[in-house]
N, C-alpha and C. Protein backbone atom coordinates (compact mmCIF):
# COMPACT_ATOMS: atom_id res chain seq x y z
N MET A 1 8.22 -22.73 4.78
CA MET A 1 7.30 -22.34 4.36
C MET A 1 7.99 -21.42 2.20
N ARG A 2 8.98 -21.27 3.28
CA ARG A 2 9.43 -20.20 2.43
C ARG A 2 10.85 -20.06 1.47
N GLY A 3 11.02 -21.99 1.46
CA GLY A 3 11.85 -22.45 0.17
C GLY A 3 13.27 -22.45 0.63
N GLY A 4 12.96 -22.57 2.21
CA GLY A 4 14.70 -22.29 2.43
C GLY A 4 14.33 -21.85 4.00
N ALA A 5 16.26 -21.78 5.20
CA ALA A 5 15.69 -21.30 5.79
C ALA A 5 17.26 -20.73 6.81
N VAL A 6 16.84 -20.16 7.68
CA VAL A 6 18.60 -19.90 8.27
C VAL A 6 18.06 -19.31 9.69
N PHE A 7 18.77 -19.54 11.05
CA PHE A 7 18.77 -19.51 11.81
C PHE A 7 20.05 -19.07 12.47
N THR A 8 18.76 -18.19 13.95
CA THR A 8 20.64 -17.25 14.31
C THR A 8 19.89 -16.58 15.95
N ASN A 9 21.21 -16.53 16.66
CA ASN A 9 20.32 -16.14 17.95
C ASN A 9 20.30 -14.69 17.95
N ASN A 10 20.82 -13.79 16.98
CA ASN A 10 21.17 -12.78 16.28
C ASN A 10 20.44 -11.35 16.12
N ILE A 11 19.35 -11.18 17.13
CA ILE A 11 18.49 -10.44 16.26
C ILE A 11 18.55 -9.35 15.39
N LYS A 12 19.68 -8.85 15.69
CA LYS A 12 20.45 -7.68 14.33
C LYS A 12 20.48 -8.93 13.52
N LEU A 13 20.91 -9.69 13.63
CA LEU A 13 21.59 -10.72 11.82
C LEU A 13 19.54 -11.13 11.76
N ALA A 14 19.36 -11.20 12.30
CA ALA A 14 17.45 -12.33 12.31
C ALA A 14 17.22 -10.88 10.77
N ARG A 15 16.68 -9.92 11.43
CA ARG A 15 16.42 -8.70 10.75
C ARG A 15 16.48 -8.72 9.83
N ILE A 16 17.88 -8.78 9.54
CA ILE A 16 18.47 -8.25 8.20
C ILE A 16 17.93 -9.68 7.50
N ALA A 17 18.87 -10.78 7.86
CA ALA A 17 17.70 -11.44 7.26
C ALA A 17 16.57 -11.14 6.26
N GLU A 18 15.86 -11.10 7.11
CA GLU A 18 14.49 -10.93 7.26
C GLU A 18 14.22 -9.75 5.86
N SER A 19 14.79 -9.24 6.07
CA SER A 19 14.67 -7.34 5.28
C SER A 19 14.87 -7.90 3.84
N TYR A 20 16.74 -8.65 3.85
CA TYR A 20 16.85 -8.74 2.71
C TYR A 20 16.10 -9.84 2.28
N ARG A 21 15.35 -10.87 2.30
CA ARG A 21 14.34 -11.44 2.22
C ARG A 21 12.91 -10.92 1.38
N ASP A 22 13.02 -9.90 1.36
CA ASP A 22 11.78 -8.55 1.41
C ASP A 22 11.71 -8.27 1.18
N TRP A 23 12.36 -8.19 0.10
CA TRP A 23 12.99 -6.96 -1.33
C TRP A 23 14.09 -5.69 -0.30
N GLY A 24 14.08 -5.79 0.38
CA GLY A 24 15.04 -4.73 1.23
C GLY A 24 14.23 -3.80 2.33
N ARG A 25 13.01 -4.72 2.40
CA ARG A 25 12.02 -2.98 3.99
C ARG A 25 12.94 -2.90 5.31
N ASP A 26 12.86 -1.69 5.55
CA ASP A 26 13.20 -1.63 6.35
C ASP A 26 12.57 -1.61 7.94
N CYS A 27 10.84 -2.26 7.31
CA CYS A 27 10.49 -2.55 8.74
C CYS A 27 10.23 -3.74 9.14
N TYR A 28 10.12 -4.16 10.15
CA TYR A 28 10.21 -5.84 11.22
C TYR A 28 9.09 -5.98 10.68
N CYS A 29 7.87 -5.17 11.77
CA CYS A 29 6.88 -6.07 11.83
C CYS A 29 6.59 -7.72 11.30
N HIS A 30 6.09 -9.02 11.89
CA HIS A 30 5.66 -9.32 11.33
C HIS A 30 4.71 -9.47 10.17
N THR A 31 4.24 -10.92 9.82
CA THR A 31 3.08 -10.69 8.76
C THR A 31 1.50 -10.30 9.10
N GLY A 32 0.57 -9.71 8.91
CA GLY A 32 -0.63 -9.58 9.69
C GLY A 32 -0.45 -7.98 10.49
N MET A 33 1.12 -7.65 11.08
CA MET A 33 0.55 -6.89 12.34
C MET A 33 1.27 -5.38 11.34
N ASN A 34 1.13 -4.07 12.55
CA ASN A 34 1.74 -3.18 12.45
C ASN A 34 1.94 -2.83 13.69
N ASN A 35 2.73 -1.82 13.29
CA ASN A 35 2.83 -0.71 13.65
C ASN A 35 3.53 -1.08 14.63
N THR A 36 4.60 -2.61 15.30
CA THR A 36 5.87 -2.65 15.66
C THR A 36 6.21 -1.93 16.83
N CYS A 37 7.16 -1.24 15.99
CA CYS A 37 7.67 0.39 16.03
C CYS A 37 7.25 1.33 16.71
N GLY A 38 5.79 0.86 17.19
CA GLY A 38 5.62 3.03 17.50
C GLY A 38 5.80 3.69 17.33
N LYS A 39 6.15 3.92 15.83
CA LYS A 39 5.97 5.38 15.23
C LYS A 39 6.21 4.63 13.52
N ARG A 40 5.10 4.47 13.38
CA ARG A 40 5.15 3.92 11.96
C ARG A 40 5.09 4.81 10.98
N PHE A 41 3.84 6.09 11.05
CA PHE A 41 4.43 6.83 10.40
C PHE A 41 4.90 7.92 11.05
N GLY A 42 6.02 7.61 12.19
CA GLY A 42 8.02 8.88 12.47
C GLY A 42 8.23 8.81 11.87
N TRP A 43 8.56 8.33 11.10
CA TRP A 43 10.11 8.15 10.27
C TRP A 43 10.64 8.85 9.75
N LYS A 44 11.72 9.39 9.18
CA LYS A 44 12.42 10.54 8.16
C LYS A 44 13.44 10.36 8.13
N LEU A 45 14.19 9.37 6.98
CA LEU A 45 14.75 8.00 6.31
C LEU A 45 15.59 8.61 5.05
N GLY A 46 16.34 8.52 5.17
CA GLY A 46 16.78 8.72 3.29
C GLY A 46 16.26 10.02 2.36
N LYS A 47 15.50 10.29 1.56
CA LYS A 47 15.04 11.70 1.47
C LYS A 47 13.91 11.76 1.03
N LEU A 48 13.60 10.21 1.17
CA LEU A 48 11.42 9.90 1.61
C LEU A 48 10.70 11.25 3.12
N PRO A 49 9.92 11.97 2.32
CA PRO A 49 9.20 12.82 2.94
C PRO A 49 8.65 12.30 4.23
N GLU A 50 9.04 13.46 5.56
CA GLU A 50 8.78 13.18 6.76
C GLU A 50 7.40 12.10 7.15
N GLY A 51 6.71 11.20 7.59
CA GLY A 51 5.98 10.41 8.22
C GLY A 51 6.14 9.49 6.80
N TYR A 52 6.44 8.85 6.08
CA TYR A 52 6.20 8.37 4.73
C TYR A 52 6.60 7.31 5.64
N ASP A 53 5.24 6.18 5.52
CA ASP A 53 4.65 5.07 5.84
C ASP A 53 6.39 4.24 5.66
N HIS A 54 6.21 3.09 7.25
CA HIS A 54 7.54 2.69 7.18
C HIS A 54 7.03 1.24 6.67
N LYS A 55 6.43 0.91 7.01
CA LYS A 55 6.86 -0.68 5.73
C LYS A 55 6.49 -0.21 4.47
N PHE A 56 6.40 0.83 4.03
CA PHE A 56 7.07 0.80 2.63
C PHE A 56 7.95 1.23 2.27
N ILE A 57 8.98 1.59 3.21
CA ILE A 57 10.94 2.54 3.35
C ILE A 57 11.47 1.02 2.85
N TYR A 58 12.50 0.61 1.75
CA TYR A 58 13.81 0.01 2.04
C TYR A 58 15.41 0.70 2.29
N SER A 59 15.58 0.09 2.81
CA SER A 59 17.02 0.55 3.38
C SER A 59 18.12 -0.44 2.34
N HIS A 60 17.90 -1.38 1.66
CA HIS A 60 18.83 -1.30 0.97
C HIS A 60 17.85 -2.75 -0.64
N ILE A 61 19.13 -2.75 -1.86
CA ILE A 61 17.96 -3.50 -1.89
C ILE A 61 18.52 -5.23 -1.84
N GLY A 62 16.78 -5.44 -1.55
CA GLY A 62 16.80 -6.86 -1.57
C GLY A 62 15.91 -7.74 -2.42
N TYR A 63 15.60 -8.62 -1.69
CA TYR A 63 15.02 -9.77 -2.63
C TYR A 63 13.38 -9.74 -2.45
N ASN A 64 13.19 -10.56 -3.15
CA ASN A 64 11.29 -11.18 -2.26
C ASN A 64 11.92 -13.01 -3.17
N LEU A 65 11.77 -13.53 -1.38
CA LEU A 65 12.08 -15.05 -1.59
C LEU A 65 10.57 -15.37 -0.97
N LYS A 66 9.81 -15.91 -1.58
CA LYS A 66 8.99 -15.97 -1.11
C LYS A 66 7.89 -18.02 -1.64
N MET A 67 7.59 -17.86 -2.75
CA MET A 67 7.13 -18.84 -3.32
C MET A 67 8.02 -19.88 -3.49
N THR A 68 6.96 -21.62 -2.50
CA THR A 68 8.25 -22.61 -2.11
C THR A 68 6.66 -24.15 -3.56
N ASP A 69 6.65 -24.73 -4.18
CA ASP A 69 6.53 -25.58 -4.03
C ASP A 69 4.63 -26.02 -4.06
N MET A 70 4.70 -25.65 -2.24
CA MET A 70 3.43 -26.60 -1.58
C MET A 70 2.62 -24.72 -2.39
N GLN A 71 3.22 -24.03 -1.76
CA GLN A 71 2.31 -23.27 -2.07
C GLN A 71 2.40 -22.15 -3.13
N ALA A 72 2.72 -22.84 -4.43
CA ALA A 72 2.69 -23.16 -5.39
C ALA A 72 1.13 -23.77 -5.98
N ALA A 73 1.43 -25.03 -4.86
CA ALA A 73 0.01 -25.93 -5.27
C ALA A 73 -0.77 -25.58 -4.77
N LEU A 74 -1.12 -24.60 -3.49
CA LEU A 74 -2.08 -23.69 -2.73
C LEU A 74 -2.77 -22.82 -3.58
N GLY A 75 -1.95 -22.28 -4.93
CA GLY A 75 -2.18 -21.63 -5.68
C GLY A 75 -2.98 -21.34 -6.69
N LEU A 76 -2.24 -22.27 -7.24
CA LEU A 76 -3.02 -23.57 -8.18
C LEU A 76 -5.06 -24.02 -7.49
N SER A 77 -5.01 -24.19 -6.12
CA SER A 77 -5.90 -24.73 -6.02
C SER A 77 -7.55 -23.56 -5.57
N GLN A 78 -6.35 -22.12 -5.63
CA GLN A 78 -7.22 -21.37 -5.56
C GLN A 78 -7.87 -20.65 -6.94
N LEU A 79 -7.33 -21.72 -7.84
CA LEU A 79 -7.62 -21.30 -9.22
C LEU A 79 -8.42 -21.57 -9.33
N LYS A 80 -8.92 -22.06 -8.42
CA LYS A 80 -10.79 -22.79 -8.49
C LYS A 80 -11.84 -21.95 -8.05
N LYS A 81 -11.01 -21.01 -7.49
CA LYS A 81 -11.91 -19.58 -6.80
C LYS A 81 -11.97 -18.22 -7.63
N LEU A 82 -10.89 -17.86 -8.80
CA LEU A 82 -10.39 -16.83 -9.80
C LEU A 82 -11.79 -16.45 -10.03
N ASP A 83 -12.64 -17.50 -10.12
CA ASP A 83 -13.53 -16.27 -10.90
C ASP A 83 -14.65 -15.01 -10.34
N LYS A 84 -14.65 -16.40 -9.51
CA LYS A 84 -15.92 -15.55 -8.17
C LYS A 84 -14.61 -14.26 -7.28
N PHE A 85 -13.90 -14.31 -7.33
CA PHE A 85 -12.44 -13.69 -7.12
C PHE A 85 -12.59 -12.33 -7.55
N VAL A 86 -12.18 -12.26 -8.75
CA VAL A 86 -11.87 -10.79 -9.98
C VAL A 86 -13.47 -10.34 -9.69
N SER A 87 -14.62 -11.28 -10.16
CA SER A 87 -16.05 -10.92 -9.92
C SER A 87 -16.20 -10.01 -9.16
N LYS A 88 -15.87 -10.44 -7.86
CA LYS A 88 -16.41 -9.40 -6.25
C LYS A 88 -15.04 -8.29 -6.22
N ARG A 89 -14.53 -8.72 -6.57
CA ARG A 89 -13.55 -7.07 -6.15
C ARG A 89 -13.86 -6.26 -7.46
N ILE A 90 -14.34 -6.91 -9.03
CA ILE A 90 -15.28 -5.63 -9.65
C ILE A 90 -16.26 -5.11 -9.17
N GLU A 91 -17.39 -5.84 -8.57
CA GLU A 91 -17.87 -5.13 -7.43
C GLU A 91 -17.60 -4.58 -6.58
N ASN A 92 -17.07 -4.65 -5.57
CA ASN A 92 -16.91 -4.03 -4.81
C ASN A 92 -16.29 -2.03 -4.94
N PHE A 93 -15.36 -2.64 -6.64
CA PHE A 93 -14.52 -1.06 -6.57
C PHE A 93 -15.47 -0.46 -7.10
N HIS A 94 -16.70 -0.84 -7.68
CA HIS A 94 -17.57 -0.07 -8.78
C HIS A 94 -18.96 0.48 -8.00
N ILE A 95 -19.02 -0.53 -6.30
CA ILE A 95 -19.86 0.20 -5.37
C ILE A 95 -18.95 0.98 -4.00
N LEU A 96 -18.05 0.57 -4.08
CA LEU A 96 -16.55 1.58 -3.47
C LEU A 96 -17.48 3.31 -4.14
N ASN A 97 -16.64 3.15 -5.71
CA ASN A 97 -16.49 4.25 -6.24
C ASN A 97 -18.08 4.96 -6.08
N GLU A 98 -18.27 4.16 -6.58
CA GLU A 98 -20.00 5.55 -6.26
C GLU A 98 -20.31 5.91 -5.25
N LEU A 99 -20.09 5.32 -4.28
CA LEU A 99 -20.30 5.65 -2.94
C LEU A 99 -18.95 7.39 -2.58
N MET A 100 -18.37 6.99 -3.05
CA MET A 100 -17.44 7.98 -3.02
C MET A 100 -17.40 9.12 -3.58
N LYS A 101 -17.78 9.05 -5.00
CA LYS A 101 -18.57 10.24 -6.09
C LYS A 101 -19.81 10.21 -5.17
N LYS A 102 -21.19 9.67 -3.91
CA LYS A 102 -22.18 10.15 -4.06
C LYS A 102 -21.67 11.38 -2.77
N LYS A 103 -20.75 11.45 -2.07
CA LYS A 103 -20.96 11.84 -1.55
C LYS A 103 -19.96 12.71 -1.07
N GLY A 104 -19.14 13.26 -2.83
CA GLY A 104 -18.23 14.52 -3.24
C GLY A 104 -17.44 14.66 -2.40
N LEU A 105 -16.61 12.89 -2.52
CA LEU A 105 -15.08 12.71 -2.18
C LEU A 105 -14.21 12.44 -3.58
N ASP A 106 -14.60 13.41 -4.68
CA ASP A 106 -14.48 13.64 -5.68
C ASP A 106 -13.47 14.54 -6.13
N LYS A 107 -14.05 15.53 -4.88
CA LYS A 107 -13.84 16.66 -4.97
C LYS A 107 -12.14 16.76 -4.36
N TYR A 108 -11.66 16.17 -3.32
CA TYR A 108 -10.65 15.74 -2.81
C TYR A 108 -9.41 15.52 -2.85
N PHE A 109 -10.41 13.87 -3.73
CA PHE A 109 -9.31 13.18 -4.56
C PHE A 109 -9.56 12.81 -5.75
N ILE A 110 -8.56 12.04 -6.08
CA ILE A 110 -8.49 11.69 -7.66
C ILE A 110 -9.04 10.39 -7.38
N LEU A 111 -9.98 9.84 -7.55
CA LEU A 111 -10.08 8.87 -7.89
C LEU A 111 -10.20 7.16 -9.17
N PRO A 112 -9.81 6.11 -8.52
CA PRO A 112 -9.24 5.57 -9.91
C PRO A 112 -10.36 5.10 -11.21
N LYS A 113 -9.81 5.16 -12.45
CA LYS A 113 -10.47 4.76 -13.04
C LYS A 113 -9.35 3.14 -13.53
N LYS A 114 -10.22 2.70 -14.83
CA LYS A 114 -9.85 1.97 -15.64
C LYS A 114 -9.52 2.35 -16.64
N SER A 115 -8.13 1.79 -17.29
CA SER A 115 -7.35 2.30 -18.47
C SER A 115 -8.75 1.79 -20.14
N TYR A 116 -8.52 2.47 -21.14
CA TYR A 116 -9.45 1.88 -22.46
C TYR A 116 -8.98 0.22 -23.17
N LYS A 117 -9.90 0.06 -22.93
CA LYS A 117 -10.13 -1.37 -23.52
C LYS A 117 -9.80 -2.07 -22.42
N SER A 118 -9.46 -1.92 -21.06
CA SER A 118 -9.05 -2.77 -19.94
C SER A 118 -10.42 -3.65 -19.32
N GLU A 119 -9.97 -4.62 -18.40
CA GLU A 119 -11.76 -5.24 -17.45
C GLU A 119 -10.46 -5.13 -16.60
N PRO A 120 -9.76 -4.74 -15.17
CA PRO A 120 -9.02 -5.22 -14.46
C PRO A 120 -9.57 -5.70 -13.22
N SER A 121 -9.18 -6.93 -12.70
CA SER A 121 -9.93 -7.88 -11.46
C SER A 121 -8.51 -6.38 -10.17
N TRP A 122 -9.32 -5.91 -9.51
CA TRP A 122 -8.75 -4.52 -9.08
C TRP A 122 -7.47 -4.63 -7.62
N PHE A 123 -7.32 -4.16 -7.54
CA PHE A 123 -5.59 -4.62 -7.06
C PHE A 123 -6.59 -4.16 -5.33
N GLY A 124 -6.86 -2.93 -5.17
CA GLY A 124 -7.26 -2.29 -4.30
C GLY A 124 -8.11 -0.85 -4.16
N TYR A 125 -8.54 -0.58 -4.08
CA TYR A 125 -9.14 0.91 -4.43
C TYR A 125 -7.83 2.56 -3.88
N MET A 126 -7.31 2.58 -4.55
CA MET A 126 -6.40 3.80 -4.87
C MET A 126 -6.48 5.30 -5.09
N VAL A 127 -6.14 6.35 -4.44
CA VAL A 127 -7.10 6.95 -4.16
C VAL A 127 -5.57 8.45 -4.20
N THR A 128 -6.06 9.65 -4.90
CA THR A 128 -4.61 11.00 -4.87
C THR A 128 -5.28 12.26 -4.12
N LEU A 129 -4.71 12.54 -3.16
CA LEU A 129 -4.46 14.26 -2.64
C LEU A 129 -5.29 14.60 -3.11
N ARG A 130 -6.09 15.25 -4.33
CA ARG A 130 -5.98 16.37 -4.71
C ARG A 130 -4.45 17.57 -4.62
N LYS A 131 -4.25 18.17 -5.65
CA LYS A 131 -2.69 19.71 -5.60
C LYS A 131 -3.75 20.13 -4.15
N ASP A 132 -5.01 21.17 -5.10
CA ASP A 132 -5.90 21.89 -4.18
C ASP A 132 -6.31 22.06 -2.93
N SER A 133 -6.44 20.55 -2.18
CA SER A 133 -7.08 19.96 -1.32
C SER A 133 -7.13 20.94 0.19
N ASN A 134 -5.57 21.40 0.05
CA ASN A 134 -5.22 21.64 1.47
C ASN A 134 -5.21 20.57 2.40
N LEU A 135 -5.34 18.98 2.34
CA LEU A 135 -5.62 18.20 3.47
C LEU A 135 -3.64 17.50 3.39
N ASN A 136 -3.84 17.08 4.81
CA ASN A 136 -2.55 16.00 4.86
C ASN A 136 -2.86 14.39 4.11
N ARG A 137 -1.75 13.90 3.59
CA ARG A 137 -2.54 12.61 3.35
C ARG A 137 -1.63 11.53 5.27
N LYS A 138 -1.37 12.35 5.52
CA LYS A 138 -0.60 11.65 6.59
C LYS A 138 -2.15 11.77 8.55
N ASP A 139 -2.58 12.81 8.27
CA ASP A 139 -3.42 13.14 8.58
C ASP A 139 -5.24 11.63 8.46
N ILE A 140 -5.34 12.25 7.23
CA ILE A 140 -6.61 11.27 6.60
C ILE A 140 -5.86 9.78 6.91
N ILE A 141 -5.33 9.26 6.59
CA ILE A 141 -4.70 7.96 6.76
C ILE A 141 -4.29 7.40 8.84
N ASN A 142 -4.47 8.16 9.31
CA ASN A 142 -3.79 8.14 10.34
C ASN A 142 -6.08 8.31 11.47
N PHE A 143 -6.44 9.10 10.78
CA PHE A 143 -7.90 8.86 11.12
C PHE A 143 -8.18 7.28 10.60
N LEU A 144 -8.17 6.96 9.58
CA LEU A 144 -8.80 6.27 9.34
C LEU A 144 -8.17 4.42 9.49
N GLU A 145 -6.88 4.48 9.99
CA GLU A 145 -6.30 3.76 10.74
C GLU A 145 -6.90 3.40 11.60
N ASP A 146 -7.22 4.02 12.72
CA ASP A 146 -7.80 4.69 13.76
C ASP A 146 -8.59 4.02 13.93
N ASN A 147 -9.54 3.98 12.71
CA ASN A 147 -10.94 3.48 12.39
C ASN A 147 -10.82 2.49 11.80
N LYS A 148 -9.75 1.39 12.28
CA LYS A 148 -9.87 -0.33 11.16
C LYS A 148 -10.09 -0.28 10.04
N ILE A 149 -9.49 1.30 9.41
CA ILE A 149 -9.50 0.43 8.03
C ILE A 149 -8.19 0.63 6.93
N ILE A 150 -7.13 -0.19 7.57
CA ILE A 150 -6.84 -1.12 6.66
C ILE A 150 -5.51 -0.04 5.58
N THR A 151 -4.68 0.82 5.53
CA THR A 151 -4.29 1.42 4.57
C THR A 151 -2.75 1.19 3.73
N ARG A 152 -2.62 1.68 2.24
CA ARG A 152 -1.41 1.23 1.95
C ARG A 152 -1.15 1.93 0.96
N LEU A 153 0.73 2.50 0.79
CA LEU A 153 0.29 3.69 -0.19
C LEU A 153 1.43 2.94 -1.00
N LEU A 154 1.55 3.56 -1.95
CA LEU A 154 1.87 2.57 -3.73
C LEU A 154 3.04 2.68 -3.57
N PHE A 155 3.18 1.24 -2.39
CA PHE A 155 4.59 0.29 -2.37
C PHE A 155 5.74 1.63 -2.71
N ALA A 156 6.74 1.60 -2.72
CA ALA A 156 7.99 2.20 -2.90
C ALA A 156 7.81 4.47 -2.88
N GLY A 157 6.32 4.13 -3.84
CA GLY A 157 7.30 5.88 -4.32
C GLY A 157 7.68 6.07 -5.01
N ASN A 158 8.31 7.24 -4.97
CA ASN A 158 9.87 7.11 -6.02
C ASN A 158 10.38 6.91 -4.98
N LEU A 159 11.65 5.48 -6.13
CA LEU A 159 12.32 5.08 -5.92
C LEU A 159 14.06 5.23 -5.51
N THR A 160 13.89 6.71 -6.46
CA THR A 160 15.12 7.26 -6.33
C THR A 160 15.22 8.68 -4.64
N LYS A 161 14.30 8.55 -4.33
CA LYS A 161 13.67 8.55 -2.82
C LYS A 161 14.86 8.12 -1.66
N GLN A 162 14.91 6.55 -2.15
CA GLN A 162 14.88 5.49 -1.44
C GLN A 162 15.61 5.15 -0.50
N PRO A 163 15.90 4.75 0.93
CA PRO A 163 17.32 5.01 1.35
C PRO A 163 18.29 4.20 0.85
N ALA A 164 17.75 3.03 0.08
CA ALA A 164 18.28 2.04 -1.03
C ALA A 164 18.72 2.37 -1.96
N PHE A 165 19.00 3.39 -2.02
CA PHE A 165 19.63 3.71 -2.93
C PHE A 165 20.31 5.34 -3.39
N GLU A 166 20.44 5.38 -1.73
CA GLU A 166 21.12 6.73 -1.56
C GLU A 166 23.06 6.34 -1.82
N GLU A 167 23.42 4.90 -2.07
CA GLU A 167 25.21 4.98 -2.08
C GLU A 167 24.77 4.52 -4.32
N ILE A 168 24.13 4.39 -4.82
CA ILE A 168 24.02 3.82 -6.41
C ILE A 168 23.71 5.08 -6.83
N ASP A 169 24.35 4.45 -7.89
CA ASP A 169 24.29 5.79 -9.36
C ASP A 169 23.08 5.21 -10.39
N PHE A 170 22.50 6.19 -10.62
CA PHE A 170 21.73 6.24 -11.40
C PHE A 170 21.46 7.43 -11.90
N ARG A 171 20.89 7.85 -13.24
CA ARG A 171 20.40 9.04 -14.33
C ARG A 171 18.24 9.01 -14.23
N VAL A 172 18.06 10.14 -13.83
CA VAL A 172 16.72 10.54 -13.85
C VAL A 172 16.67 11.29 -14.74
N ILE A 173 15.35 10.96 -16.16
CA ILE A 173 14.63 11.53 -17.36
C ILE A 173 13.12 12.33 -16.56
N GLY A 174 13.75 13.86 -16.30
CA GLY A 174 12.40 14.38 -16.36
C GLY A 174 12.53 15.09 -14.40
N ASP A 175 11.62 15.78 -14.64
CA ASP A 175 11.53 16.21 -12.55
C ASP A 175 10.49 15.11 -12.03
N LEU A 176 10.21 13.82 -12.13
CA LEU A 176 9.32 13.18 -11.01
C LEU A 176 7.76 13.72 -10.85
N GLU A 177 7.41 14.57 -11.60
CA GLU A 177 6.47 15.51 -11.03
C GLU A 177 5.79 14.21 -10.66
N ASN A 178 5.01 13.64 -11.57
CA ASN A 178 3.84 12.96 -11.44
C ASN A 178 4.23 11.42 -10.03
N THR A 179 5.65 11.02 -10.17
CA THR A 179 5.90 10.15 -8.90
C THR A 179 5.87 10.94 -8.04
N ASP A 180 6.35 11.99 -7.79
CA ASP A 180 6.39 12.83 -6.02
C ASP A 180 4.81 12.84 -5.85
N LEU A 181 4.02 13.46 -6.27
CA LEU A 181 2.63 13.37 -6.01
C LEU A 181 1.95 11.97 -5.61
N ILE A 182 2.35 11.04 -6.49
CA ILE A 182 2.17 9.98 -5.81
C ILE A 182 2.85 9.41 -4.41
N MET A 183 3.88 9.51 -4.78
CA MET A 183 4.81 9.37 -3.17
C MET A 183 4.39 10.45 -2.58
N ASN A 184 3.51 11.76 -2.51
CA ASN A 184 2.97 12.18 -1.31
C ASN A 184 1.59 12.44 -0.72
N ASN A 185 0.99 11.80 -2.44
CA ASN A 185 -0.30 12.27 -2.14
C ASN A 185 -1.20 10.73 -2.34
N THR A 186 -0.58 9.64 -2.62
CA THR A 186 -1.12 8.58 -3.03
C THR A 186 -0.91 7.46 -1.90
N PHE A 187 -2.58 6.57 -1.74
CA PHE A 187 -2.79 5.81 -0.45
C PHE A 187 -3.76 4.99 -1.40
N TRP A 188 -3.72 3.35 -1.16
CA TRP A 188 -5.20 2.30 -1.31
C TRP A 188 -5.94 2.40 -0.03
N VAL A 189 -6.75 1.78 0.39
CA VAL A 189 -8.06 0.93 1.16
C VAL A 189 -8.14 -0.49 0.36
N GLY A 190 -8.17 -1.59 0.46
CA GLY A 190 -8.77 -2.81 0.22
C GLY A 190 -10.41 -2.89 0.18
N ILE A 191 -10.75 -3.37 -0.89
CA ILE A 191 -12.14 -3.64 -1.89
C ILE A 191 -11.93 -5.07 -1.89
N TYR A 192 -10.70 -6.28 -0.70
CA TYR A 192 -10.77 -7.65 -1.39
C TYR A 192 -12.56 -8.39 -1.12
N PRO A 193 -12.75 -9.76 -1.43
CA PRO A 193 -13.59 -10.14 -1.68
C PRO A 193 -14.99 -10.53 -0.49
N GLY A 194 -13.62 -10.56 0.64
CA GLY A 194 -14.62 -10.22 1.89
C GLY A 194 -15.35 -9.66 2.42
N LEU A 195 -15.70 -8.95 1.88
CA LEU A 195 -16.13 -6.94 2.26
C LEU A 195 -18.02 -7.00 1.31
N ASP A 196 -18.65 -6.65 2.02
CA ASP A 196 -19.81 -6.45 1.76
C ASP A 196 -20.11 -5.06 1.25
N THR A 197 -21.27 -4.70 1.39
CA THR A 197 -21.52 -2.86 0.89
C THR A 197 -21.67 -2.78 2.07
N ASN A 198 -21.85 -2.98 3.23
CA ASN A 198 -22.21 -2.05 4.41
C ASN A 198 -20.14 -1.84 5.25
N HIS A 199 -19.73 -2.70 4.64
CA HIS A 199 -18.45 -1.91 4.67
C HIS A 199 -17.88 -1.53 4.03
N LEU A 200 -17.95 -1.23 3.00
CA LEU A 200 -17.81 -0.32 1.68
C LEU A 200 -18.29 1.03 2.11
N GLU A 201 -19.86 1.31 2.37
CA GLU A 201 -20.39 2.26 2.86
C GLU A 201 -19.54 2.97 3.84
N TYR A 202 -18.82 2.18 5.37
CA TYR A 202 -18.41 2.63 6.44
C TYR A 202 -17.36 2.73 6.10
N ILE A 203 -16.43 2.58 5.03
CA ILE A 203 -15.44 2.95 4.82
C ILE A 203 -15.37 4.12 4.07
N SER A 204 -16.31 4.73 3.03
CA SER A 204 -16.79 5.65 2.47
C SER A 204 -16.80 6.64 3.47
N ASP A 205 -17.87 6.56 4.52
CA ASP A 205 -18.42 7.07 5.68
C ASP A 205 -17.33 8.31 6.45
N LYS A 206 -16.38 6.34 6.57
CA LYS A 206 -15.31 6.94 7.03
C LYS A 206 -13.94 8.63 6.61
N PHE A 207 -14.12 8.31 5.50
CA PHE A 207 -13.52 9.37 4.11
C PHE A 207 -14.14 10.51 4.25
N LEU A 208 -14.92 9.84 4.73
CA LEU A 208 -15.99 11.72 4.77
C LEU A 208 -15.32 12.37 5.58
N GLU A 209 -15.76 11.42 6.48
CA GLU A 209 -15.72 12.48 8.02
C GLU A 209 -14.15 12.75 8.08
N ALA A 210 -12.56 11.83 7.28
CA ALA A 210 -11.20 13.06 7.67
C ALA A 210 -11.40 13.87 7.05
N VAL A 211 -12.28 14.35 5.91
CA VAL A 211 -11.57 15.79 5.27
C VAL A 211 -13.03 16.38 6.35
N ASN A 212 -14.20 16.03 6.58
CA ASN A 212 -14.12 17.38 7.22
C ASN A 212 -13.56 17.59 8.10
N LYS A 213 -13.31 16.60 8.20
CA LYS A 213 -11.82 16.95 10.06
C LYS A 213 -11.08 17.86 10.03
């Protein structure tokens, strides 16, 4: 289903091959799994901050080798449901956003908003801890995860801090202040179409519990 195959009886070679397939990702969790290593938020690699989500640490430059004709065919069939998916994501975003504001969580988080003249189909619900909140992202996401709310970082954060870039020459313009803020303070929760108002109410309740703790 991935457009090719590699066979090996060596676990190290298997993990190297899978990592190159998946953008150079350091994590070796299988799809749908979390925390196989038992210390997902306990790593200190490269110049990333300690506790950076291991699922989004990249130890070398890899590829995205995933789409096949069969998957493309399935994708085309899903286009028939696209309008429903988009409207439900927009609806879920607005419901969760209003719940977060109603419970005063915009005091602690920078909440997402669409850009001028746009109407996005929201990938997820992204929040950023305010600098003056005195809250720790690791504590917040661990609490949410413990309560069955899956979180994701904004992918690679500051790419220059990823271990994959340690031996690569590059230049940086500016101090990357906002990039570092995202790296340290930003994360997502889901708003996929299968969620309903009860789920979103639960998510906002757990956010409130997290900041109160």
